[in-house]
């Protein structure tokens, strides 16, 4: 057994029981974005959170412990994603990455946006021409230090 096996069981149970990520997040008392990432094997749950997730998805004690192991993050199958939705994010970074970098440096100086001290919100935005996906990313600015 490994973390990937647990992730597959979570996904399988979610589908078979019709569970919504937002409902899982409410029970864990965290955002749907972070909770989903954790259930998909990208975040580490503490013991209390893992027990809640374990109960929701019918995990045994060993499987629940795997939720508390620090995962290998960013583990897509290929360097260039092949899933169309994920590929569009890759495309956004390829097309707008230099613009994002330039504007962050102009506003904040030489540094990076943290993906550790970070939050994300995904919402539906009504539009008469077709609903839109609204993604808000917020990361702490971390300046490079001189020494």
C-alpha atoms as a PDB file:
ATOM      1  CA  UNK A   1       0.000   0.000   0.000  1.00  0.00           C
ATOM      2  CA  UNK A   2       1.116   3.568  -0.713  1.00  0.00           C
ATOM      3  CA  UNK A   3      -0.334   7.090  -0.895  1.00  0.00           C
ATOM      4  CA  UNK A   4      -1.365   6.636  -4.536  1.00  0.00           C
ATOM      5  CA  UNK A   5      -3.453   3.597  -3.564  1.00  0.00           C
ATOM      6  CA  UNK A   6      -5.226   5.689  -0.924  1.00  0.00           C
ATOM      7  CA  UNK A   7      -5.850   8.501  -3.424  1.00  0.00           C
ATOM      8  CA  UNK A   8      -7.367   6.027  -5.882  1.00  0.00           C
ATOM      9  CA  UNK A   9      -9.641   4.644  -3.143  1.00  0.00           C
ATOM     10  CA  UNK A  10     -10.755   8.177  -2.221  1.00  0.00           C
ATOM     11  CA  UNK A  11     -11.568   8.987  -5.858  1.00  0.00           C
ATOM     12  CA  UNK A  12     -13.376   5.682  -6.356  1.00  0.00           C
ATOM     13  CA  UNK A  13     -15.458   6.187  -3.216  1.00  0.00           C
ATOM     14  CA  UNK A  14     -16.211   9.796  -4.174  1.00  0.00           C
ATOM     15  CA  UNK A  15     -17.566   8.666  -7.533  1.00  0.00           C
ATOM     16  CA  UNK A  16     -19.521   5.672  -6.238  1.00  0.00           C
ATOM     17  CA  UNK A  17     -21.136   7.630  -3.395  1.00  0.00           C
ATOM     18  CA  UNK A  18     -21.587  10.929  -5.291  1.00  0.00           C
ATOM     19  CA  UNK A  19     -19.578  12.869  -2.713  1.00  0.00           C
ATOM     20  CA  UNK A  20     -18.854  16.563  -3.429  1.00  0.00           C
ATOM     21  CA  UNK A  21     -15.468  18.077  -2.510  1.00  0.00           C
ATOM     22  CA  UNK A  22     -17.216  21.106  -1.026  1.00  0.00           C
ATOM     23  CA  UNK A  23     -19.121  18.835   1.394  1.00  0.00           C
ATOM     24  CA  UNK A  24     -15.881  17.100   2.403  1.00  0.00           C
ATOM     25  CA  UNK A  25     -14.228  20.491   3.003  1.00  0.00           C
ATOM     26  CA  UNK A  26     -17.082  21.628   5.248  1.00  0.00           C
ATOM     27  CA  UNK A  27     -16.613  18.546   7.445  1.00  0.00           C
ATOM     28  CA  UNK A  28     -12.837  19.135   7.650  1.00  0.00           C
ATOM     29  CA  UNK A  29     -13.461  22.893   8.176  1.00  0.00           C
ATOM     30  CA  UNK A  30     -10.978  23.925   5.475  1.00  0.00           C
ATOM     31  CA  UNK A  31     -11.294  25.353   1.975  1.00  0.00           C
ATOM     32  CA  UNK A  32     -12.567  23.111  -0.811  1.00  0.00           C
ATOM     33  CA  UNK A  33      -9.386  23.872  -2.762  1.00  0.00           C
ATOM     34  CA  UNK A  34      -6.939  22.776  -0.028  1.00  0.00           C
ATOM     35  CA  UNK A  35      -9.090  19.829   1.037  1.00  0.00           C
ATOM     36  CA  UNK A  36      -9.345  18.567  -2.543  1.00  0.00           C
ATOM     37  CA  UNK A  37      -5.570  18.878  -2.982  1.00  0.00           C
ATOM     38  CA  UNK A  38      -5.088  16.894   0.230  1.00  0.00           C
ATOM     39  CA  UNK A  39      -7.492  14.162  -0.855  1.00  0.00           C
ATOM     40  CA  UNK A  40      -5.707  13.966  -4.208  1.00  0.00           C
ATOM     41  CA  UNK A  41      -2.393  13.355  -2.442  1.00  0.00           C
ATOM     42  CA  UNK A  42      -0.789  16.798  -2.651  1.00  0.00           C
ATOM     43  CA  UNK A  43      -1.043  17.955   0.989  1.00  0.00           C
ATOM     44  CA  UNK A  44      -0.391  16.471   4.418  1.00  0.00           C
ATOM     45  CA  UNK A  45      -3.337  16.092   6.785  1.00  0.00           C
ATOM     46  CA  UNK A  46      -2.959  16.181  10.548  1.00  0.00           C
ATOM     47  CA  UNK A  47      -4.358  13.304  12.609  1.00  0.00           C
ATOM     48  CA  UNK A  48      -7.744  14.940  13.255  1.00  0.00           C
ATOM     49  CA  UNK A  49      -8.217  15.904   9.590  1.00  0.00           C
ATOM     50  CA  UNK A  50      -7.097  12.455   8.420  1.00  0.00           C
ATOM     51  CA  UNK A  51      -9.632  10.746  10.692  1.00  0.00           C
ATOM     52  CA  UNK A  52     -12.454  12.884   9.275  1.00  0.00           C
ATOM     53  CA  UNK A  53     -11.374  12.106   5.703  1.00  0.00           C
ATOM     54  CA  UNK A  54     -10.945   8.445   6.624  1.00  0.00           C
ATOM     55  CA  UNK A  55     -14.489   8.265   7.959  1.00  0.00           C
ATOM     56  CA  UNK A  56     -15.984  10.001   4.903  1.00  0.00           C
ATOM     57  CA  UNK A  57     -14.210   7.696   2.453  1.00  0.00           C
ATOM     58  CA  UNK A  58     -14.288   4.474   4.504  1.00  0.00           C
ATOM     59  CA  UNK A  59     -10.514   4.244   4.950  1.00  0.00           C
ATOM     60  CA  UNK A  60      -9.003   1.778   7.395  1.00  0.00           C
ATOM     61  CA  UNK A  61      -6.403   2.761  10.017  1.00  0.00           C
ATOM     62  CA  UNK A  62      -3.396   2.122   7.740  1.00  0.00           C
ATOM     63  CA  UNK A  63      -4.940   4.064   4.860  1.00  0.00           C
ATOM     64  CA  UNK A  64      -5.752   6.963   7.183  1.00  0.00           C
ATOM     65  CA  UNK A  65      -2.124   7.070   8.349  1.00  0.00           C
ATOM     66  CA  UNK A  66      -1.005   7.499   4.718  1.00  0.00           C
ATOM     67  CA  UNK A  67      -2.933  10.793   4.658  1.00  0.00           C
ATOM     68  CA  UNK A  68      -0.497  12.077   7.299  1.00  0.00           C
ATOM     69  CA  UNK A  69       2.653  11.290   5.300  1.00  0.00           C
ATOM     70  CA  UNK A  70       4.322  14.201   3.498  1.00  0.00           C
ATOM     71  CA  UNK A  71       3.621  13.535  -0.195  1.00  0.00           C
ATOM     72  CA  UNK A  72       5.728  13.917  -3.284  1.00  0.00           C
ATOM     73  CA  UNK A  73       4.099  17.081  -4.629  1.00  0.00           C
ATOM     74  CA  UNK A  74       3.589  18.076  -8.221  1.00  0.00           C
ATOM     75  CA  UNK A  75       3.475  14.511  -9.400  1.00  0.00           C
ATOM     76  CA  UNK A  76       1.857  14.702 -12.831  1.00  0.00           C
ATOM     77  CA  UNK A  77       2.531  11.770 -15.150  1.00  0.00           C
ATOM     78  CA  UNK A  78       4.229  13.880 -17.836  1.00  0.00           C
ATOM     79  CA  UNK A  79       6.262  17.095 -17.943  1.00  0.00           C
ATOM     80  CA  UNK A  80       3.715  18.603 -20.334  1.00  0.00           C
ATOM     81  CA  UNK A  81       0.250  17.670 -19.070  1.00  0.00           C
ATOM     82  CA  UNK A  82      -2.010  15.895 -21.538  1.00  0.00           C
ATOM     83  CA  UNK A  83      -5.333  16.452 -19.763  1.00  0.00           C
ATOM     84  CA  UNK A  84      -6.971  19.375 -21.637  1.00  0.00           C
ATOM     85  CA  UNK A  85      -7.922  21.358 -18.531  1.00  0.00           C
ATOM     86  CA  UNK A  86      -4.513  20.985 -16.881  1.00  0.00           C
ATOM     87  CA  UNK A  87      -2.797  21.669 -20.214  1.00  0.00           C
ATOM     88  CA  UNK A  88      -4.598  25.041 -20.415  1.00  0.00           C
ATOM     89  CA  UNK A  89      -2.950  26.008 -17.138  1.00  0.00           C
ATOM     90  CA  UNK A  90       0.384  24.988 -18.611  1.00  0.00           C
ATOM     91  CA  UNK A  91      -0.475  27.112 -21.657  1.00  0.00           C
ATOM     92  CA  UNK A  92      -1.376  30.076 -19.441  1.00  0.00           C
ATOM     93  CA  UNK A  93       2.034  29.888 -17.759  1.00  0.00           C
ATOM     94  CA  UNK A  94       3.796  29.504 -21.124  1.00  0.00           C
ATOM     95  CA  UNK A  95       2.008  32.505 -22.632  1.00  0.00           C
ATOM     96  CA  UNK A  96       1.628  34.771 -19.601  1.00  0.00           C
ATOM     97  CA  UNK A  97       4.400  33.538 -17.292  1.00  0.00           C
ATOM     98  CA  UNK A  98       6.885  36.211 -18.357  1.00  0.00           C
ATOM     99  CA  UNK A  99       4.173  38.877 -18.009  1.00  0.00           C
ATOM    100  CA  UNK A 100       3.249  37.660 -14.520  1.00  0.00           C
ATOM    101  CA  UNK A 101       6.928  37.613 -13.548  1.00  0.00           C
ATOM    102  CA  UNK A 102       7.566  41.090 -14.963  1.00  0.00           C
ATOM    103  CA  UNK A 103       4.567  42.653 -13.234  1.00  0.00           C
ATOM    104  CA  UNK A 104       5.287  40.992  -9.878  1.00  0.00           C
ATOM    105  CA  UNK A 105       8.902  42.214 -10.013  1.00  0.00           C
ATOM    106  CA  UNK A 106       7.792  45.713 -11.002  1.00  0.00           C
ATOM    107  CA  UNK A 107       5.342  45.881  -8.102  1.00  0.00           C
ATOM    108  CA  UNK A 108       7.255  43.977  -5.397  1.00  0.00           C
ATOM    109  CA  UNK A 109      10.911  43.785  -6.468  1.00  0.00           C
ATOM    110  CA  UNK A 110      13.157  40.752  -6.909  1.00  0.00           C
ATOM    111  CA  UNK A 111      11.520  37.725  -5.316  1.00  0.00           C
ATOM    112  CA  UNK A 112       8.881  35.049  -5.743  1.00  0.00           C
ATOM    113  CA  UNK A 113       5.272  34.333  -4.864  1.00  0.00           C
ATOM    114  CA  UNK A 114       5.089  31.581  -2.283  1.00  0.00           C
ATOM    115  CA  UNK A 115       3.250  28.372  -3.075  1.00  0.00           C
ATOM    116  CA  UNK A 116       3.583  27.426   0.606  1.00  0.00           C
ATOM    117  CA  UNK A 117       2.050  30.547   2.207  1.00  0.00           C
ATOM    118  CA  UNK A 118      -0.665  30.425  -0.421  1.00  0.00           C
ATOM    119  CA  UNK A 119      -4.404  30.271  -0.943  1.00  0.00           C
ATOM    120  CA  UNK A 120      -6.645  29.633  -3.923  1.00  0.00           C
ATOM    121  CA  UNK A 121     -10.336  30.164  -4.551  1.00  0.00           C
ATOM    122  CA  UNK A 122     -12.228  28.654  -7.486  1.00  0.00           C
ATOM    123  CA  UNK A 123     -15.661  30.062  -8.183  1.00  0.00           C
ATOM    124  CA  UNK A 124     -18.329  30.122 -10.878  1.00  0.00           C
ATOM    125  CA  UNK A 125     -18.928  33.571 -12.334  1.00  0.00           C
ATOM    126  CA  UNK A 126     -22.278  33.966 -14.093  1.00  0.00           C
ATOM    127  CA  UNK A 127     -22.040  35.448 -17.580  1.00  0.00           C
ATOM    128  CA  UNK A 128     -24.800  35.701 -20.191  1.00  0.00           C
ATOM    129  CA  UNK A 129     -22.351  34.451 -22.861  1.00  0.00           C
ATOM    130  CA  UNK A 130     -21.521  31.362 -20.788  1.00  0.00           C
ATOM    131  CA  UNK A 131     -20.429  30.943 -17.194  1.00  0.00           C
ATOM    132  CA  UNK A 132     -16.799  31.679 -16.440  1.00  0.00           C
ATOM    133  CA  UNK A 133     -14.268  30.011 -14.167  1.00  0.00           C
ATOM    134  CA  UNK A 134     -12.820  32.498 -11.679  1.00  0.00           C
ATOM    135  CA  UNK A 135      -9.568  31.433 -10.047  1.00  0.00           C
ATOM    136  CA  UNK A 136      -7.961  33.658  -7.438  1.00  0.00           C
ATOM    137  CA  UNK A 137      -4.392  32.833  -6.395  1.00  0.00           C
ATOM    138  CA  UNK A 138      -2.853  34.583  -3.402  1.00  0.00           C
ATOM    139  CA  UNK A 139       0.708  33.906  -2.298  1.00  0.00           C
ATOM    140  CA  UNK A 140       2.978  35.716   0.116  1.00  0.00           C
ATOM    141  CA  UNK A 141       5.759  37.674  -1.595  1.00  0.00           C
ATOM    142  CA  UNK A 142       9.187  36.355  -0.631  1.00  0.00           C
ATOM    143  CA  UNK A 143      12.008  38.748  -1.544  1.00  0.00           C
ATOM    144  CA  UNK A 144      15.454  37.426  -2.310  1.00  0.00           C
ATOM    145  CA  UNK A 145      17.796  38.501   0.461  1.00  0.00           C
ATOM    146  CA  UNK A 146      21.260  39.899   0.096  1.00  0.00           C
ATOM    147  CA  UNK A 147      24.080  38.566   2.216  1.00  0.00           C
END
